[in-house]
Amino acid sequence: MEESIGSVKVVSKGQVRWNDRVDKIMIEIILEEYGFGNASGNSWKPEVYTRVCLELLKQLKQQVHPANVKARIKTLKANYFSAREVISQSGFGWDPDTQLLTADVLTWKEYLQKHPEKESYRRKCVPYYDELCVIFGDDQATGGNAITGNEANIGFGRNVQCREVTPN
């Protein structure tokens, strides 16, 4: 089944193999679109997904359906908030050079006693954490004190521990 995206025909919504190069292109585009205000609430305007698809086709000759992009963003968001949950604990940080969560041995031991499901983060790379912090901010919050990533990054609500990132 084919669909049109602009003037380009894209094949079905099959499974896409995401790698660092594909993620990097997608995240750069999303950062630009974020700067343009093309987020709607806690999701993206449809043209953002389309632009990612067109750029991946142009740069990598890889056909991707907007639904694949949407699913990947959802996965990155879930991974970001899972890592952020660990980083938000006292004694934890993120090293942009190694892309690993950092803490001393005792801090890890105490944390993992309470949260054994987070064991993989001792060795798991968390690429693009700073960029994802800009994109997602505090969008996970719900209820009366909820704020969007956009609000978090312009100074409303809680302080989000992120470095400033600008698209290349």
N, C-alpha and C. Protein backbone atom coordinates (compact mmCIF):
# COMPACT_ATOMS: atom_id res chain seq x y z
N MET A 1 0.84 -1.17 0.00
CA MET A 1 0.00 0.00 0.00
C MET A 1 0.89 1.24 0.00
N GLU A 2 0.61 2.19 -0.87
CA GLU A 2 1.40 3.40 -0.97
C GLU A 2 0.59 4.61 -0.52
N GLU A 3 1.27 5.60 -0.01
CA GLU A 3 0.66 6.87 0.37
C GLU A 3 1.51 7.97 -0.21
N SER A 4 0.91 9.12 -0.38
CA SER A 4 1.65 10.28 -0.85
C SER A 4 2.07 11.15 0.31
N ILE A 5 3.30 11.57 0.28
CA ILE A 5 3.81 12.56 1.22
C ILE A 5 4.41 13.64 0.34
N GLY A 6 3.71 14.74 0.24
CA GLY A 6 4.14 15.74 -0.71
C GLY A 6 4.06 15.13 -2.10
N SER A 7 5.16 15.18 -2.83
CA SER A 7 5.18 14.59 -4.16
C SER A 7 5.87 13.23 -4.16
N VAL A 8 6.15 12.70 -2.96
CA VAL A 8 6.87 11.44 -2.85
C VAL A 8 5.91 10.34 -2.41
N LYS A 9 6.01 9.19 -3.07
CA LYS A 9 5.21 8.04 -2.66
C LYS A 9 6.01 7.24 -1.63
N VAL A 10 5.36 6.89 -0.54
CA VAL A 10 6.01 6.14 0.53
C VAL A 10 5.28 4.82 0.69
N VAL A 11 6.05 3.77 0.79
CA VAL A 11 5.46 2.44 0.93
C VAL A 11 4.86 2.28 2.31
N SER A 12 4.28 1.12 2.55
CA SER A 12 3.51 0.86 3.77
C SER A 12 4.28 1.16 5.05
N LYS A 13 3.54 1.08 6.14
CA LYS A 13 4.07 1.41 7.47
C LYS A 13 4.88 0.26 8.05
N GLY A 14 5.67 -0.41 7.28
CA GLY A 14 6.45 -1.53 7.76
C GLY A 14 7.43 -1.14 8.85
N GLN A 15 8.09 -2.12 9.40
CA GLN A 15 9.05 -1.89 10.47
C GLN A 15 10.29 -1.17 9.92
N VAL A 16 10.79 -0.22 10.68
CA VAL A 16 11.97 0.55 10.31
C VAL A 16 13.08 0.21 11.28
N ARG A 17 14.27 0.04 10.75
CA ARG A 17 15.44 -0.16 11.61
C ARG A 17 16.05 1.20 11.90
N TRP A 18 15.91 1.64 13.14
CA TRP A 18 16.43 2.94 13.53
C TRP A 18 17.86 2.76 14.01
N ASN A 19 18.73 3.65 13.59
CA ASN A 19 20.10 3.63 14.07
C ASN A 19 20.49 5.05 14.45
N ASP A 20 21.71 5.21 14.92
CA ASP A 20 22.15 6.51 15.41
C ASP A 20 22.08 7.59 14.34
N ARG A 21 22.45 7.25 13.13
CA ARG A 21 22.44 8.23 12.04
C ARG A 21 21.01 8.70 11.73
N VAL A 22 20.08 7.77 11.70
CA VAL A 22 18.68 8.10 11.43
C VAL A 22 18.12 8.93 12.58
N ASP A 23 18.40 8.50 13.82
CA ASP A 23 17.93 9.25 14.99
C ASP A 23 18.49 10.67 14.98
N LYS A 24 19.76 10.81 14.65
CA LYS A 24 20.40 12.13 14.65
C LYS A 24 19.70 13.08 13.69
N ILE A 25 19.42 12.62 12.48
CA ILE A 25 18.73 13.45 11.49
C ILE A 25 17.34 13.82 12.01
N MET A 26 16.62 12.82 12.51
CA MET A 26 15.27 13.07 13.00
C MET A 26 15.28 14.07 14.16
N ILE A 27 16.18 13.90 15.10
CA ILE A 27 16.22 14.79 16.26
C ILE A 27 16.61 16.21 15.85
N GLU A 28 17.53 16.35 14.92
CA GLU A 28 17.90 17.69 14.44
C GLU A 28 16.69 18.39 13.82
N ILE A 29 15.92 17.67 13.04
CA ILE A 29 14.73 18.25 12.41
C ILE A 29 13.70 18.62 13.47
N ILE A 30 13.50 17.73 14.43
CA ILE A 30 12.52 17.99 15.47
C ILE A 30 12.93 19.19 16.33
N LEU A 31 14.22 19.33 16.60
CA LEU A 31 14.67 20.51 17.33
C LEU A 31 14.36 21.79 16.55
N GLU A 32 14.59 21.76 15.25
CA GLU A 32 14.27 22.92 14.42
C GLU A 32 12.77 23.20 14.46
N GLU A 33 11.97 22.16 14.29
CA GLU A 33 10.52 22.31 14.29
C GLU A 33 10.02 22.79 15.65
N TYR A 34 10.65 22.32 16.71
CA TYR A 34 10.32 22.79 18.05
C TYR A 34 10.54 24.29 18.14
N GLY A 35 11.69 24.74 17.60
CA GLY A 35 11.99 26.17 17.58
C GLY A 35 10.99 26.98 16.77
N PHE A 36 10.41 26.36 15.74
CA PHE A 36 9.42 27.03 14.90
C PHE A 36 8.03 27.01 15.56
N GLY A 37 7.89 26.30 16.68
CA GLY A 37 6.60 26.22 17.37
C GLY A 37 5.65 25.20 16.77
N ASN A 38 6.20 24.18 16.11
CA ASN A 38 5.36 23.19 15.45
C ASN A 38 4.99 22.00 16.33
N ALA A 39 4.89 22.26 17.62
CA ALA A 39 4.35 21.26 18.53
C ALA A 39 2.95 21.71 18.89
N SER A 40 2.08 20.75 19.07
CA SER A 40 0.69 21.05 19.42
C SER A 40 0.38 20.30 20.71
N GLY A 41 0.32 21.02 21.81
CA GLY A 41 0.14 20.36 23.10
C GLY A 41 1.36 19.52 23.40
N ASN A 42 1.16 18.22 23.57
CA ASN A 42 2.31 17.35 23.83
C ASN A 42 2.60 16.44 22.64
N SER A 43 2.15 16.84 21.44
CA SER A 43 2.49 16.08 20.24
C SER A 43 2.95 17.06 19.16
N TRP A 44 3.21 16.54 17.99
CA TRP A 44 3.75 17.34 16.90
C TRP A 44 2.71 17.51 15.81
N LYS A 45 2.80 18.63 15.12
CA LYS A 45 1.92 18.86 13.97
C LYS A 45 2.27 17.85 12.88
N PRO A 46 1.31 17.42 12.09
CA PRO A 46 1.55 16.40 11.06
C PRO A 46 2.68 16.74 10.10
N GLU A 47 2.88 18.01 9.80
CA GLU A 47 3.94 18.38 8.86
C GLU A 47 5.34 18.08 9.40
N VAL A 48 5.47 17.95 10.73
CA VAL A 48 6.77 17.59 11.31
C VAL A 48 7.13 16.17 10.91
N TYR A 49 6.18 15.25 11.03
CA TYR A 49 6.42 13.86 10.65
C TYR A 49 6.74 13.77 9.16
N THR A 50 6.02 14.54 8.37
CA THR A 50 6.25 14.55 6.93
C THR A 50 7.64 15.06 6.60
N ARG A 51 8.05 16.13 7.26
CA ARG A 51 9.39 16.67 7.00
C ARG A 51 10.48 15.67 7.35
N VAL A 52 10.32 14.97 8.46
CA VAL A 52 11.30 13.95 8.84
C VAL A 52 11.38 12.88 7.75
N CYS A 53 10.22 12.42 7.28
CA CYS A 53 10.19 11.40 6.21
C CYS A 53 10.91 11.88 4.96
N LEU A 54 10.64 13.10 4.57
CA LEU A 54 11.26 13.64 3.36
C LEU A 54 12.77 13.81 3.51
N GLU A 55 13.21 14.25 4.68
CA GLU A 55 14.65 14.42 4.93
C GLU A 55 15.38 13.08 4.96
N LEU A 56 14.75 12.07 5.55
CA LEU A 56 15.38 10.74 5.58
C LEU A 56 15.49 10.17 4.17
N LEU A 57 14.48 10.42 3.37
CA LEU A 57 14.52 9.98 1.97
C LEU A 57 15.61 10.73 1.22
N LYS A 58 15.68 12.01 1.42
CA LYS A 58 16.66 12.85 0.72
C LYS A 58 18.10 12.52 1.15
N GLN A 59 18.33 12.44 2.46
CA GLN A 59 19.69 12.27 2.97
C GLN A 59 20.18 10.83 2.95
N LEU A 60 19.28 9.89 3.22
CA LEU A 60 19.71 8.48 3.36
C LEU A 60 19.08 7.54 2.34
N LYS A 61 18.20 8.08 1.53
CA LYS A 61 17.46 7.25 0.56
C LYS A 61 16.66 6.17 1.29
N GLN A 62 16.18 6.51 2.48
CA GLN A 62 15.41 5.58 3.31
C GLN A 62 13.97 6.05 3.37
N GLN A 63 13.06 5.18 2.93
CA GLN A 63 11.64 5.51 2.97
C GLN A 63 11.08 5.15 4.34
N VAL A 64 10.45 6.14 4.95
CA VAL A 64 9.87 5.97 6.27
C VAL A 64 8.48 6.59 6.23
N HIS A 65 7.54 5.95 6.85
CA HIS A 65 6.17 6.44 6.92
C HIS A 65 6.03 7.35 8.15
N PRO A 66 5.19 8.38 8.09
CA PRO A 66 4.98 9.23 9.26
C PRO A 66 4.61 8.45 10.53
N ALA A 67 3.88 7.36 10.38
CA ALA A 67 3.53 6.55 11.55
C ALA A 67 4.79 5.95 12.20
N ASN A 68 5.80 5.62 11.38
CA ASN A 68 7.06 5.12 11.93
C ASN A 68 7.77 6.21 12.73
N VAL A 69 7.75 7.42 12.20
CA VAL A 69 8.39 8.55 12.89
C VAL A 69 7.67 8.80 14.21
N LYS A 70 6.37 8.81 14.17
CA LYS A 70 5.57 9.04 15.39
C LYS A 70 5.89 7.96 16.43
N ALA A 71 5.99 6.72 16.01
CA ALA A 71 6.29 5.62 16.93
C ALA A 71 7.70 5.76 17.51
N ARG A 72 8.66 6.20 16.68
CA ARG A 72 10.03 6.36 17.16
C ARG A 72 10.10 7.50 18.18
N ILE A 73 9.40 8.58 17.92
CA ILE A 73 9.37 9.69 18.88
C ILE A 73 8.79 9.21 20.21
N LYS A 74 7.75 8.39 20.13
CA LYS A 74 7.14 7.85 21.35
C LYS A 74 8.15 6.99 22.13
N THR A 75 8.92 6.18 21.41
CA THR A 75 9.95 5.35 22.05
C THR A 75 11.04 6.20 22.67
N LEU A 76 11.52 7.19 21.92
CA LEU A 76 12.56 8.09 22.46
C LEU A 76 12.06 8.82 23.70
N LYS A 77 10.80 9.22 23.68
CA LYS A 77 10.22 9.93 24.81
C LYS A 77 10.18 9.03 26.05
N ALA A 78 9.74 7.79 25.85
CA ALA A 78 9.68 6.84 26.97
C ALA A 78 11.08 6.58 27.53
N ASN A 79 12.06 6.39 26.64
CA ASN A 79 13.44 6.16 27.08
C ASN A 79 14.00 7.38 27.81
N TYR A 80 13.70 8.55 27.28
CA TYR A 80 14.16 9.80 27.91
C TYR A 80 13.62 9.91 29.33
N PHE A 81 12.31 9.71 29.51
CA PHE A 81 11.73 9.86 30.84
C PHE A 81 12.21 8.78 31.80
N SER A 82 12.49 7.60 31.29
CA SER A 82 13.02 6.54 32.14
C SER A 82 14.42 6.91 32.64
N ALA A 83 15.26 7.41 31.73
CA ALA A 83 16.61 7.85 32.12
C ALA A 83 16.53 9.07 33.02
N ARG A 84 15.64 9.97 32.71
CA ARG A 84 15.50 11.21 33.49
C ARG A 84 15.09 10.90 34.93
N GLU A 85 14.28 9.85 35.09
CA GLU A 85 13.88 9.43 36.43
C GLU A 85 15.10 9.07 37.27
N VAL A 86 16.07 8.40 36.65
CA VAL A 86 17.30 8.03 37.37
C VAL A 86 18.15 9.28 37.61
N ILE A 87 18.35 10.08 36.57
CA ILE A 87 19.20 11.27 36.67
C ILE A 87 18.68 12.26 37.70
N SER A 88 17.39 12.29 37.90
CA SER A 88 16.81 13.24 38.85
C SER A 88 17.11 12.90 40.31
N GLN A 89 17.62 11.69 40.54
CA GLN A 89 17.93 11.27 41.90
C GLN A 89 19.25 11.89 42.35
N SER A 90 19.37 12.16 43.61
CA SER A 90 20.58 12.74 44.18
C SER A 90 21.79 11.86 43.87
N GLY A 91 22.86 12.47 43.40
CA GLY A 91 24.10 11.75 43.14
C GLY A 91 24.25 11.25 41.71
N PHE A 92 23.21 11.41 40.89
CA PHE A 92 23.27 10.94 39.50
C PHE A 92 23.48 12.10 38.54
N GLY A 93 24.07 11.78 37.42
CA GLY A 93 24.25 12.75 36.36
C GLY A 93 24.30 12.05 35.02
N TRP A 94 24.63 12.79 33.99
CA TRP A 94 24.76 12.25 32.63
C TRP A 94 26.03 12.81 32.03
N ASP A 95 26.86 11.95 31.48
CA ASP A 95 28.11 12.36 30.86
C ASP A 95 27.90 12.46 29.35
N PRO A 96 27.95 13.67 28.78
CA PRO A 96 27.70 13.82 27.34
C PRO A 96 28.78 13.17 26.46
N ASP A 97 29.98 12.97 27.00
CA ASP A 97 31.03 12.33 26.21
C ASP A 97 30.81 10.83 26.07
N THR A 98 30.46 10.18 27.18
CA THR A 98 30.23 8.73 27.14
C THR A 98 28.77 8.39 26.89
N GLN A 99 27.89 9.37 27.08
CA GLN A 99 26.44 9.21 26.95
C GLN A 99 25.89 8.22 27.97
N LEU A 100 26.56 8.14 29.12
CA LEU A 100 26.14 7.23 30.18
C LEU A 100 25.68 8.00 31.40
N LEU A 101 24.78 7.37 32.17
CA LEU A 101 24.40 7.92 33.45
C LEU A 101 25.56 7.70 34.41
N THR A 102 25.79 8.68 35.27
CA THR A 102 26.94 8.60 36.17
C THR A 102 26.49 8.68 37.62
N ALA A 103 27.19 7.94 38.46
CA ALA A 103 27.02 7.99 39.91
C ALA A 103 28.12 7.12 40.51
N ASP A 104 28.43 7.36 41.77
CA ASP A 104 29.44 6.50 42.40
C ASP A 104 28.82 5.14 42.70
N VAL A 105 29.67 4.20 43.04
CA VAL A 105 29.25 2.80 43.23
C VAL A 105 28.18 2.69 44.32
N LEU A 106 28.35 3.38 45.42
CA LEU A 106 27.40 3.30 46.53
C LEU A 106 26.04 3.87 46.13
N THR A 107 26.04 4.97 45.40
CA THR A 107 24.77 5.57 44.95
C THR A 107 24.02 4.59 44.05
N TRP A 108 24.74 3.97 43.10
CA TRP A 108 24.11 2.98 42.22
C TRP A 108 23.55 1.82 43.06
N LYS A 109 24.34 1.32 43.98
CA LYS A 109 23.92 0.17 44.78
C LYS A 109 22.63 0.47 45.55
N GLU A 110 22.59 1.62 46.21
CA GLU A 110 21.40 2.00 46.98
C GLU A 110 20.19 2.19 46.07
N TYR A 111 20.41 2.83 44.95
CA TYR A 111 19.30 3.08 44.03
C TYR A 111 18.75 1.77 43.45
N LEU A 112 19.65 0.87 43.04
CA LEU A 112 19.22 -0.39 42.41
C LEU A 112 18.56 -1.34 43.40
N GLN A 113 18.83 -1.19 44.68
CA GLN A 113 18.13 -2.00 45.68
C GLN A 113 16.64 -1.66 45.66
N LYS A 114 16.33 -0.39 45.43
CA LYS A 114 14.93 0.05 45.39
C LYS A 114 14.33 -0.04 43.99
N HIS A 115 15.19 0.01 42.95
CA HIS A 115 14.73 0.04 41.56
C HIS A 115 15.54 -0.93 40.70
N PRO A 116 15.43 -2.24 40.95
CA PRO A 116 16.26 -3.20 40.20
C PRO A 116 15.99 -3.18 38.69
N GLU A 117 14.81 -2.72 38.28
CA GLU A 117 14.48 -2.68 36.86
C GLU A 117 15.33 -1.66 36.09
N LYS A 118 16.05 -0.80 36.80
CA LYS A 118 16.88 0.23 36.17
C LYS A 118 18.34 -0.21 36.02
N GLU A 119 18.63 -1.46 36.33
CA GLU A 119 20.00 -2.00 36.27
C GLU A 119 20.67 -1.72 34.93
N SER A 120 19.94 -1.83 33.84
CA SER A 120 20.54 -1.65 32.51
C SER A 120 21.16 -0.26 32.33
N TYR A 121 20.70 0.73 33.08
CA TYR A 121 21.23 2.09 32.93
C TYR A 121 22.66 2.24 33.44
N ARG A 122 23.18 1.23 34.11
CA ARG A 122 24.59 1.29 34.53
C ARG A 122 25.50 1.22 33.30
N ARG A 123 25.02 0.58 32.22
CA ARG A 123 25.85 0.40 31.02
C ARG A 123 25.19 0.93 29.75
N LYS A 124 23.94 1.31 29.84
CA LYS A 124 23.16 1.68 28.66
C LYS A 124 23.45 3.13 28.26
N CYS A 125 23.82 3.32 27.01
CA CYS A 125 24.01 4.67 26.49
C CYS A 125 22.66 5.37 26.40
N VAL A 126 22.68 6.64 26.69
CA VAL A 126 21.49 7.47 26.57
C VAL A 126 21.85 8.62 25.62
N PRO A 127 21.86 8.34 24.32
CA PRO A 127 22.26 9.37 23.36
C PRO A 127 21.24 10.49 23.27
N TYR A 128 21.74 11.67 22.94
CA TYR A 128 20.89 12.84 22.69
C TYR A 128 20.07 13.26 23.90
N TYR A 129 20.56 12.98 25.10
CA TYR A 129 19.79 13.33 26.29
C TYR A 129 19.50 14.83 26.34
N ASP A 130 20.51 15.66 26.10
CA ASP A 130 20.29 17.11 26.15
C ASP A 130 19.27 17.56 25.12
N GLU A 131 19.36 17.02 23.92
CA GLU A 131 18.41 17.39 22.87
C GLU A 131 17.00 16.94 23.23
N LEU A 132 16.88 15.72 23.77
CA LEU A 132 15.57 15.21 24.15
C LEU A 132 14.99 16.00 25.32
N CYS A 133 15.86 16.51 26.17
CA CYS A 133 15.41 17.35 27.28
C CYS A 133 14.75 18.61 26.74
N VAL A 134 15.32 19.18 25.70
CA VAL A 134 14.73 20.37 25.08
C VAL A 134 13.39 20.01 24.45
N ILE A 135 13.37 18.90 23.73
CA ILE A 135 12.17 18.50 22.99
C ILE A 135 11.03 18.10 23.94
N PHE A 136 11.33 17.28 24.95
CA PHE A 136 10.27 16.73 25.80
C PHE A 136 10.09 17.47 27.12
N GLY A 137 11.15 18.06 27.64
CA GLY A 137 11.05 18.80 28.90
C GLY A 137 10.29 18.04 29.94
N ASP A 138 9.19 18.62 30.42
CA ASP A 138 8.37 18.02 31.47
C ASP A 138 7.02 17.55 30.94
N ASP A 139 6.95 17.18 29.67
CA ASP A 139 5.66 16.80 29.07
C ASP A 139 5.01 15.58 29.71
N GLN A 140 5.70 14.89 30.57
CA GLN A 140 5.13 13.70 31.20
C GLN A 140 4.17 14.06 32.33
N ALA A 141 4.29 15.25 32.88
CA ALA A 141 3.47 15.63 34.04
C ALA A 141 1.99 15.65 33.68
N THR A 142 1.16 15.33 34.67
CA THR A 142 -0.29 15.40 34.49
C THR A 142 -0.90 16.10 35.69
N GLY A 143 -2.14 16.52 35.57
CA GLY A 143 -2.83 17.13 36.69
C GLY A 143 -2.67 18.63 36.73
N GLY A 144 -3.03 19.22 37.87
CA GLY A 144 -3.07 20.66 38.03
C GLY A 144 -1.73 21.35 37.87
N ASN A 145 -0.63 20.67 38.20
CA ASN A 145 0.69 21.29 38.09
C ASN A 145 1.40 20.92 36.80
N ALA A 146 0.71 20.32 35.87
CA ALA A 146 1.33 19.88 34.63
C ALA A 146 1.80 21.07 33.81
N ILE A 147 2.97 20.93 33.21
CA ILE A 147 3.48 21.92 32.28
C ILE A 147 4.01 21.20 31.06
N THR A 148 4.04 21.88 29.95
CA THR A 148 4.57 21.28 28.73
C THR A 148 6.07 21.50 28.67
N GLY A 149 6.74 20.78 27.76
CA GLY A 149 8.17 20.99 27.56
C GLY A 149 8.45 22.41 27.17
N ASN A 150 7.58 23.00 26.37
CA ASN A 150 7.75 24.38 25.94
C ASN A 150 7.73 25.32 27.15
N GLU A 151 6.80 25.12 28.07
CA GLU A 151 6.73 25.95 29.27
C GLU A 151 7.96 25.74 30.15
N ALA A 152 8.40 24.48 30.28
CA ALA A 152 9.56 24.18 31.12
C ALA A 152 10.80 24.88 30.59
N ASN A 153 10.92 24.94 29.29
CA ASN A 153 12.13 25.50 28.69
C ASN A 153 12.09 27.01 28.57
N ILE A 154 10.96 27.64 28.87
CA ILE A 154 10.95 29.10 28.87
C ILE A 154 10.78 29.64 30.29
N GLY A 155 10.92 28.77 31.27
CA GLY A 155 11.02 29.24 32.63
C GLY A 155 9.80 29.06 33.52
N PHE A 156 8.74 28.44 33.05
CA PHE A 156 7.58 28.21 33.90
C PHE A 156 7.77 26.92 34.68
N GLY A 157 7.09 26.81 35.80
CA GLY A 157 7.06 25.54 36.53
C GLY A 157 8.40 25.16 37.11
N ARG A 158 8.63 23.86 37.22
CA ARG A 158 9.83 23.32 37.83
C ARG A 158 11.06 23.53 36.96
N ASN A 159 12.21 23.55 37.59
CA ASN A 159 13.47 23.69 36.88
C ASN A 159 13.88 22.34 36.31
N VAL A 160 14.08 22.27 35.02
CA VAL A 160 14.51 21.03 34.37
C VAL A 160 16.02 21.10 34.18
N GLN A 161 16.73 20.09 34.63
CA GLN A 161 18.19 20.07 34.56
C GLN A 161 18.64 19.71 33.15
N CYS A 162 18.77 20.71 32.30
CA CYS A 162 19.17 20.48 30.92
C CYS A 162 20.18 21.54 30.51
N ARG A 163 21.07 21.15 29.63
CA ARG A 163 21.98 22.12 29.04
C ARG A 163 21.30 22.69 27.81
N GLU A 164 21.68 23.91 27.43
CA GLU A 164 21.11 24.52 26.23
C GLU A 164 21.67 23.82 25.00
N VAL A 165 20.79 23.50 24.06
CA VAL A 165 21.18 22.83 22.84
C VAL A 165 20.62 23.62 21.67
N THR A 166 21.44 23.83 20.66
CA THR A 166 20.96 24.49 19.45
C THR A 166 21.16 23.55 18.28
N PRO A 167 20.23 23.54 17.33
CA PRO A 167 20.39 22.66 16.16
C PRO A 167 21.58 23.09 15.32
N ASN A 168 22.21 22.11 14.66
CA ASN A 168 23.37 22.40 13.79
C ASN A 168 22.96 23.12 12.54
